[in-house]
N, C-alpha and C. Protein backbone atom coordinates (compact mmCIF):
# COMPACT_ATOMS: atom_id res chain seq x y z
N MET A 1 -10.48 14.81 7.06
CA MET A 1 -9.56 13.95 7.50
C MET A 1 -8.19 13.96 6.52
N SER A 2 -7.13 13.87 7.34
CA SER A 2 -5.83 14.24 6.43
C SER A 2 -5.37 12.90 5.86
N LEU A 3 -4.38 13.15 5.05
CA LEU A 3 -3.65 12.09 4.38
C LEU A 3 -3.07 11.01 5.41
N ILE A 4 -2.60 11.35 6.51
CA ILE A 4 -2.23 10.68 7.24
C ILE A 4 -3.15 9.61 7.85
N GLY A 5 -4.27 10.07 8.32
CA GLY A 5 -5.51 9.18 8.67
C GLY A 5 -5.89 8.06 7.94
N ARG A 6 -6.01 8.54 6.38
CA ARG A 6 -6.36 7.47 5.39
C ARG A 6 -5.04 6.55 5.29
N LEU A 7 -3.90 6.94 5.62
CA LEU A 7 -2.95 5.49 5.52
C LEU A 7 -3.25 4.70 6.47
N HIS A 8 -3.91 4.90 7.52
CA HIS A 8 -3.79 3.71 8.82
C HIS A 8 -4.02 2.27 8.07
N PRO A 9 -5.18 2.29 7.02
CA PRO A 9 -5.61 0.88 6.87
C PRO A 9 -4.45 0.26 5.84
N LEU A 10 -3.49 1.03 5.33
CA LEU A 10 -2.52 0.72 4.41
C LEU A 10 -1.35 0.27 5.30
N LEU A 11 -1.18 0.99 6.31
CA LEU A 11 0.00 0.85 7.10
C LEU A 11 -0.05 -0.46 8.49
N VAL A 12 -1.58 -0.63 8.66
CA VAL A 12 -1.77 -1.57 9.94
C VAL A 12 -1.39 -2.64 9.69
N HIS A 13 -1.00 -3.51 8.50
CA HIS A 13 -0.59 -4.76 8.46
C HIS A 13 0.74 -4.97 8.38
N PHE A 14 1.81 -4.01 8.47
CA PHE A 14 3.04 -4.22 8.61
C PHE A 14 3.51 -4.32 9.89
N PRO A 15 3.30 -3.54 10.76
CA PRO A 15 3.44 -3.89 12.31
C PRO A 15 3.05 -5.39 12.90
N ILE A 16 1.83 -5.70 12.34
CA ILE A 16 1.58 -6.94 12.65
C ILE A 16 2.10 -8.27 12.17
N ALA A 17 2.64 -8.13 10.95
CA ALA A 17 3.49 -9.17 10.08
C ALA A 17 4.93 -9.27 10.79
N LEU A 18 5.24 -8.08 10.89
CA LEU A 18 6.63 -8.16 11.38
C LEU A 18 6.70 -8.24 12.92
N VAL A 19 5.68 -8.03 13.82
CA VAL A 19 5.95 -8.46 15.21
C VAL A 19 5.62 -10.17 15.20
N LEU A 20 4.46 -10.42 14.48
CA LEU A 20 4.36 -12.22 14.52
C LEU A 20 5.45 -12.71 13.71
N THR A 21 6.13 -12.06 12.77
CA THR A 21 7.37 -12.78 12.20
C THR A 21 8.38 -13.08 13.33
N ALA A 22 8.58 -12.00 14.29
CA ALA A 22 9.85 -11.73 15.09
C ALA A 22 9.51 -13.08 16.33
N GLY A 23 8.24 -13.20 16.40
CA GLY A 23 7.78 -14.27 17.39
C GLY A 23 7.95 -15.50 16.77
N ALA A 24 7.58 -15.71 15.29
CA ALA A 24 8.14 -17.06 15.05
C ALA A 24 9.49 -17.33 14.87
N ALA A 25 10.48 -16.17 14.54
CA ALA A 25 11.68 -16.36 14.43
C ALA A 25 12.54 -16.83 15.83
N GLU A 26 11.99 -16.33 16.77
CA GLU A 26 12.26 -16.78 18.00
C GLU A 26 11.89 -18.15 18.59
N ILE A 27 10.76 -18.33 18.20
CA ILE A 27 10.39 -19.98 18.28
C ILE A 27 11.72 -20.84 17.43
N ALA A 28 11.88 -20.44 16.25
CA ALA A 28 12.52 -21.23 15.53
C ALA A 28 14.05 -21.07 16.13
N GLU A 29 14.47 -20.13 16.82
CA GLU A 29 15.81 -19.89 17.21
C GLU A 29 15.96 -21.08 18.79
N THR A 30 14.61 -20.95 19.18
CA THR A 30 14.56 -21.71 20.36
C THR A 30 14.70 -23.24 20.14
N VAL A 31 13.90 -23.69 19.11
CA VAL A 31 13.98 -25.11 18.37
C VAL A 31 15.23 -25.37 17.94
N THR A 32 15.97 -24.52 16.70
CA THR A 32 17.08 -25.21 16.31
C THR A 32 18.39 -24.62 16.79
N ARG A 33 18.43 -23.81 17.70
CA ARG A 33 19.72 -23.18 18.28
C ARG A 33 20.52 -22.48 17.48
N ALA A 34 19.99 -21.79 16.27
CA ALA A 34 20.50 -21.35 15.23
C ALA A 34 20.53 -19.83 15.63
N GLY A 35 21.54 -19.18 15.64
CA GLY A 35 21.60 -17.80 16.13
C GLY A 35 21.12 -16.79 15.12
N HIS A 36 21.09 -17.45 14.03
CA HIS A 36 20.39 -16.32 12.82
C HIS A 36 19.15 -15.82 12.95
N TRP A 37 18.41 -17.00 13.63
CA TRP A 37 16.92 -16.56 13.62
C TRP A 37 16.73 -15.71 14.70
N ARG A 38 17.37 -15.39 15.81
CA ARG A 38 17.24 -14.40 16.73
C ARG A 38 17.53 -12.93 15.90
N ALA A 39 18.67 -12.90 15.24
CA ALA A 39 18.93 -11.60 14.31
C ALA A 39 17.82 -11.40 13.58
N ILE A 40 17.26 -12.52 12.65
CA ILE A 40 16.13 -12.17 11.91
C ILE A 40 14.88 -11.42 12.94
N GLY A 41 14.81 -12.26 14.00
CA GLY A 41 13.55 -11.85 14.74
C GLY A 41 13.88 -10.25 15.43
N VAL A 42 15.10 -10.11 15.92
CA VAL A 42 15.17 -8.88 16.51
C VAL A 42 15.08 -7.68 15.16
N ALA A 43 15.51 -7.94 14.16
CA ALA A 43 15.32 -7.02 12.84
C ALA A 43 13.89 -6.64 12.70
N ASN A 44 13.10 -7.93 12.66
CA ASN A 44 11.75 -7.65 12.24
C ASN A 44 10.85 -6.98 13.36
N LEU A 45 11.28 -7.16 14.62
CA LEU A 45 10.93 -6.74 15.93
C LEU A 45 10.89 -4.93 15.81
N ARG A 46 12.15 -4.78 15.61
CA ARG A 46 12.89 -3.41 15.35
C ARG A 46 11.68 -2.76 14.04
N ALA A 47 11.82 -3.21 12.95
CA ALA A 47 10.99 -2.64 11.87
C ALA A 47 9.25 -2.67 12.31
N GLY A 48 9.14 -3.38 12.99
CA GLY A 48 7.51 -3.33 13.49
C GLY A 48 7.40 -2.55 14.49
N ALA A 49 8.28 -2.27 15.40
CA ALA A 49 8.02 -1.12 16.51
C ALA A 49 8.11 0.24 15.72
N LEU A 50 9.07 0.32 14.94
CA LEU A 50 8.86 1.63 14.03
C LEU A 50 7.34 1.71 13.21
N MET A 51 7.14 0.90 12.60
CA MET A 51 5.73 0.76 11.61
C MET A 51 4.57 1.06 12.59
N ALA A 52 4.86 0.65 14.06
CA ALA A 52 3.67 0.43 15.07
C ALA A 52 3.60 1.84 15.04
N VAL A 53 4.40 2.67 15.30
CA VAL A 53 4.54 4.25 15.79
C VAL A 53 3.74 4.80 14.53
N ALA A 54 4.16 4.54 13.58
CA ALA A 54 3.37 5.38 11.98
C ALA A 54 2.26 5.00 12.20
N THR A 55 1.74 3.62 12.51
CA THR A 55 0.45 3.25 12.33
C THR A 55 -0.50 3.78 13.41
N VAL A 56 0.12 3.84 14.58
CA VAL A 56 -0.56 4.58 15.82
C VAL A 56 -0.92 6.04 15.37
N ILE A 57 -0.06 6.57 14.79
CA ILE A 57 -0.35 8.16 14.59
C ILE A 57 -1.18 8.33 13.40
N ALA A 58 -1.35 7.39 12.66
CA ALA A 58 -2.25 7.44 11.65
C ALA A 58 -3.67 7.04 11.90
N GLY A 59 -3.77 5.87 13.23
CA GLY A 59 -4.84 5.62 13.63
C GLY A 59 -5.26 6.71 14.59
N LEU A 60 -4.82 7.05 15.00
CA LEU A 60 -5.31 8.30 15.86
C LEU A 60 -5.89 9.66 15.29
N GLU A 61 -5.13 9.73 14.05
CA GLU A 61 -5.78 10.71 13.16
C GLU A 61 -7.08 10.28 12.33
N LEU A 62 -7.07 9.12 11.90
CA LEU A 62 -8.33 8.59 11.34
C LEU A 62 -9.45 8.68 12.43
N ALA A 63 -9.31 8.17 13.58
CA ALA A 63 -10.13 8.20 15.02
C ALA A 63 -10.64 9.45 14.91
N SER A 64 -10.05 10.54 15.02
CA SER A 64 -10.61 11.83 15.39
C SER A 64 -11.24 12.28 14.25
N ALA A 65 -11.26 11.70 12.98
CA ALA A 65 -12.46 12.27 11.57
C ALA A 65 -13.51 12.44 12.23
N SER A 66 -14.19 13.57 11.75
CA SER A 66 -15.56 14.03 11.94
C SER A 66 -16.74 12.61 11.47
N PHE A 67 -16.40 11.97 10.88
CA PHE A 67 -17.46 10.98 10.48
C PHE A 67 -17.15 9.88 11.45
N GLU A 68 -16.36 9.57 11.99
CA GLU A 68 -16.08 8.16 12.86
C GLU A 68 -16.65 8.34 14.16
N GLU A 69 -17.53 7.51 14.51
CA GLU A 69 -18.45 7.45 15.69
C GLU A 69 -17.28 6.99 16.86
N VAL A 70 -17.52 7.59 18.13
CA VAL A 70 -16.51 7.10 18.90
C VAL A 70 -17.39 5.95 19.82
N ALA A 71 -17.20 4.67 19.60
CA ALA A 71 -17.72 3.68 19.94
C ALA A 71 -17.08 3.06 21.01
N SER A 72 -17.15 2.27 22.00
CA SER A 72 -16.65 1.49 23.17
C SER A 72 -15.39 0.76 22.25
N SER A 73 -15.90 -0.02 21.02
CA SER A 73 -14.58 -0.85 20.51
C SER A 73 -13.68 0.03 19.99
N LEU A 74 -14.04 1.45 19.31
CA LEU A 74 -12.96 2.23 19.04
C LEU A 74 -12.03 2.54 20.25
N VAL A 75 -12.76 2.57 21.23
CA VAL A 75 -11.77 3.21 22.53
C VAL A 75 -10.98 2.01 22.98
N TRP A 76 -11.51 0.53 22.81
CA TRP A 76 -10.63 -0.35 23.29
C TRP A 76 -9.41 -0.73 22.16
N HIS A 77 -9.87 -0.40 20.94
CA HIS A 77 -8.78 -0.57 19.83
C HIS A 77 -7.62 0.28 19.89
N ARG A 78 -7.92 1.65 20.12
CA ARG A 78 -7.14 2.77 20.06
C ARG A 78 -6.05 2.08 21.51
N GLY A 79 -6.75 2.07 22.48
CA GLY A 79 -6.08 1.75 23.72
C GLY A 79 -5.06 0.52 23.78
N ALA A 80 -5.53 -0.21 23.00
CA ALA A 80 -4.97 -1.48 22.69
C ALA A 80 -3.68 -1.25 21.82
N GLY A 81 -3.93 -0.57 20.75
CA GLY A 81 -2.90 -0.22 19.75
C GLY A 81 -1.73 0.80 20.28
N VAL A 82 -1.89 1.38 21.26
CA VAL A 82 -0.99 2.29 22.00
C VAL A 82 -0.26 1.17 22.85
N VAL A 83 -0.56 0.52 23.65
CA VAL A 83 -0.05 -0.28 24.68
C VAL A 83 0.76 -1.40 23.90
N ALA A 84 0.05 -1.85 22.74
CA ALA A 84 0.84 -2.84 22.05
C ALA A 84 2.05 -2.33 21.33
N THR A 85 1.86 -1.00 20.99
CA THR A 85 3.11 -0.34 20.33
C THR A 85 4.51 0.09 21.58
N LEU A 86 3.83 0.48 22.62
CA LEU A 86 4.81 0.77 23.68
C LEU A 86 5.21 -0.61 24.10
N ALA A 87 4.78 -1.66 24.01
CA ALA A 87 5.30 -2.79 24.24
C ALA A 87 6.37 -3.18 23.12
N ALA A 88 6.15 -3.02 22.10
CA ALA A 88 7.07 -3.44 20.97
C ALA A 88 8.37 -2.71 20.94
N ILE A 89 8.12 -1.15 21.59
CA ILE A 89 9.35 -0.35 21.49
C ILE A 89 10.26 -0.81 22.67
N VAL A 90 9.64 -1.25 23.71
CA VAL A 90 10.37 -1.70 24.89
C VAL A 90 11.00 -2.83 24.69
N THR A 91 10.37 -3.82 24.18
CA THR A 91 10.87 -5.03 23.71
C THR A 91 12.11 -5.04 22.67
N ALA A 92 11.94 -4.05 21.76
CA ALA A 92 12.98 -3.77 20.73
C ALA A 92 14.33 -3.10 21.38
N LEU A 93 13.90 -2.20 22.47
CA LEU A 93 14.92 -1.70 23.22
C LEU A 93 15.86 -2.71 23.95
N ILE A 94 15.20 -3.74 24.60
CA ILE A 94 15.94 -4.77 25.28
C ILE A 94 16.60 -5.90 24.45
N ALA A 95 16.09 -5.89 23.47
CA ALA A 95 16.26 -7.05 22.47
C ALA A 95 18.07 -7.57 22.05
N ASP A 96 18.78 -6.46 22.61
CA ASP A 96 20.51 -6.57 22.57
C ASP A 96 20.96 -7.59 23.91
N ARG A 97 20.08 -7.35 25.21
CA ARG A 97 20.31 -8.01 26.21
C ARG A 97 20.01 -9.52 26.28
N GLN A 98 20.51 -10.35 25.74
CA GLN A 98 19.85 -11.68 25.49
C GLN A 98 20.89 -12.85 26.09
N THR A 99 21.33 -12.63 27.40
CA THR A 99 21.86 -13.81 28.05
C THR A 99 21.10 -14.15 29.28
N GLY A 100 21.18 -15.21 29.79
CA GLY A 100 20.68 -15.60 31.03
C GLY A 100 19.03 -15.05 31.39
N ARG A 101 19.33 -14.49 32.46
CA ARG A 101 17.82 -13.66 32.83
C ARG A 101 17.27 -12.91 31.89
N SER A 102 17.97 -12.04 31.38
CA SER A 102 17.67 -11.13 30.48
C SER A 102 16.95 -11.69 28.94
N LEU A 103 17.39 -12.76 28.83
CA LEU A 103 17.00 -13.57 27.79
C LEU A 103 15.40 -13.85 27.82
N HIS A 104 15.13 -14.41 29.22
CA HIS A 104 13.74 -14.84 29.41
C HIS A 104 12.93 -13.57 29.24
N THR A 105 13.40 -12.54 30.18
CA THR A 105 12.86 -11.29 29.83
C THR A 105 12.51 -10.86 28.67
N TYR A 106 13.51 -10.96 27.55
CA TYR A 106 13.08 -10.26 26.26
C TYR A 106 12.28 -11.58 25.41
N ARG A 107 12.02 -12.78 26.09
CA ARG A 107 11.16 -13.94 25.46
C ARG A 107 9.82 -13.39 25.95
N ALA A 108 9.79 -13.22 27.12
CA ALA A 108 8.34 -12.84 27.76
C ALA A 108 7.87 -11.61 27.28
N MET A 109 8.69 -10.59 27.12
CA MET A 109 8.20 -9.33 26.42
C MET A 109 7.76 -9.46 25.13
N LEU A 110 8.38 -10.47 24.51
CA LEU A 110 8.28 -10.80 22.76
C LEU A 110 7.04 -11.49 22.91
N LEU A 111 6.66 -12.16 23.77
CA LEU A 111 5.24 -12.97 23.73
C LEU A 111 4.30 -11.86 24.44
N VAL A 112 4.34 -11.15 25.22
CA VAL A 112 3.27 -10.28 25.64
C VAL A 112 2.95 -9.23 24.09
N THR A 113 4.14 -8.92 23.54
CA THR A 113 3.85 -7.96 22.53
C THR A 113 3.09 -8.70 21.37
N VAL A 114 3.44 -9.77 21.06
CA VAL A 114 2.72 -10.64 20.25
C VAL A 114 1.07 -10.84 20.51
N VAL A 115 0.92 -11.33 21.73
CA VAL A 115 -0.49 -11.02 22.21
C VAL A 115 -1.14 -9.99 22.12
N LEU A 116 -0.54 -8.85 22.53
CA LEU A 116 -1.14 -7.57 22.43
C LEU A 116 -1.38 -7.21 21.07
N MET A 117 -0.73 -7.46 19.91
CA MET A 117 -0.65 -7.14 18.77
C MET A 117 -1.75 -7.77 18.15
N THR A 118 -1.69 -9.13 18.32
CA THR A 118 -2.86 -9.92 18.06
C THR A 118 -4.31 -9.36 18.46
N ILE A 119 -4.38 -9.11 19.71
CA ILE A 119 -5.61 -8.47 20.11
C ILE A 119 -5.87 -7.01 19.62
N THR A 120 -5.14 -6.47 19.45
CA THR A 120 -5.28 -5.05 18.62
C THR A 120 -5.95 -5.16 17.28
N ALA A 121 -5.16 -6.12 16.60
CA ALA A 121 -5.75 -6.46 15.17
C ALA A 121 -7.09 -7.13 15.19
N HIS A 122 -7.36 -7.90 16.06
CA HIS A 122 -8.64 -8.63 16.19
C HIS A 122 -9.57 -7.25 16.40
N LEU A 123 -9.38 -6.58 17.41
CA LEU A 123 -10.23 -5.40 17.70
C LEU A 123 -10.47 -4.54 16.39
N GLY A 124 -9.33 -4.25 15.73
CA GLY A 124 -9.16 -3.42 14.37
C GLY A 124 -10.45 -4.23 13.33
N ALA A 125 -10.12 -5.40 13.30
CA ALA A 125 -10.94 -6.01 12.41
C ALA A 125 -12.47 -6.14 12.59
N ALA A 126 -12.55 -6.43 13.92
CA ALA A 126 -14.19 -6.33 14.21
C ALA A 126 -14.42 -4.74 13.94
N LEU A 127 -13.83 -3.76 14.26
CA LEU A 127 -14.42 -2.50 13.90
C LEU A 127 -14.89 -2.43 12.39
N VAL A 128 -14.15 -3.03 11.38
CA VAL A 128 -14.40 -2.68 9.90
C VAL A 128 -15.36 -4.03 9.44
N TRP A 129 -15.10 -5.17 9.95
CA TRP A 129 -15.92 -6.39 9.67
C TRP A 129 -17.15 -6.61 10.51
N GLY A 130 -17.11 -6.24 11.63
CA GLY A 130 -18.22 -6.64 12.61
C GLY A 130 -17.54 -7.76 13.46
N TRP A 131 -18.15 -8.23 14.60
CA TRP A 131 -17.57 -8.88 15.63
C TRP A 131 -17.80 -10.43 15.06
N SER A 132 -18.89 -10.67 13.95
CA SER A 132 -18.66 -12.17 13.49
C SER A 132 -17.88 -12.56 12.36
N PHE A 133 -16.87 -11.60 12.07
CA PHE A 133 -16.22 -11.67 10.68
C PHE A 133 -15.37 -13.11 10.81
N LEU A 134 -15.13 -13.58 11.68
CA LEU A 134 -14.45 -15.17 11.58
C LEU A 134 -15.45 -16.04 11.28
N TRP A 135 -16.56 -15.90 11.72
CA TRP A 135 -17.58 -17.27 11.34
C TRP A 135 -18.27 -17.08 10.09
N PRO A 136 -18.67 -18.04 9.34
CA PRO A 136 -19.07 -18.18 7.90
C PRO A 136 -20.50 -17.68 7.86
């Protein structure tokens, strides 16, 4: 396995944190009507989308390693990661159009991206820690 694949466990936390922060900033903007929250959210979203691309590339390299067994959970995690990354990219691209109907589209896509990123993260954690990792 190359160095790129070995970076996946290190990189994976950045897009998760950045996208979730973008969602939290949009909630803060909605509640307070302070425009700086949206700017913070968009910056985090764009950084998260870029980091997600790097993380997917590293993850695909890691999954192709000869020691990695291709289980259905890995297939689901890989697919969810690609879809979540695509959603983050699309959401980041439409982030500048935030008036009227396009604002609702942006918020809906941000919500979808946050949900997809959360699902992907859960599937990845289950691969590493097992399905009962949340229970004592």
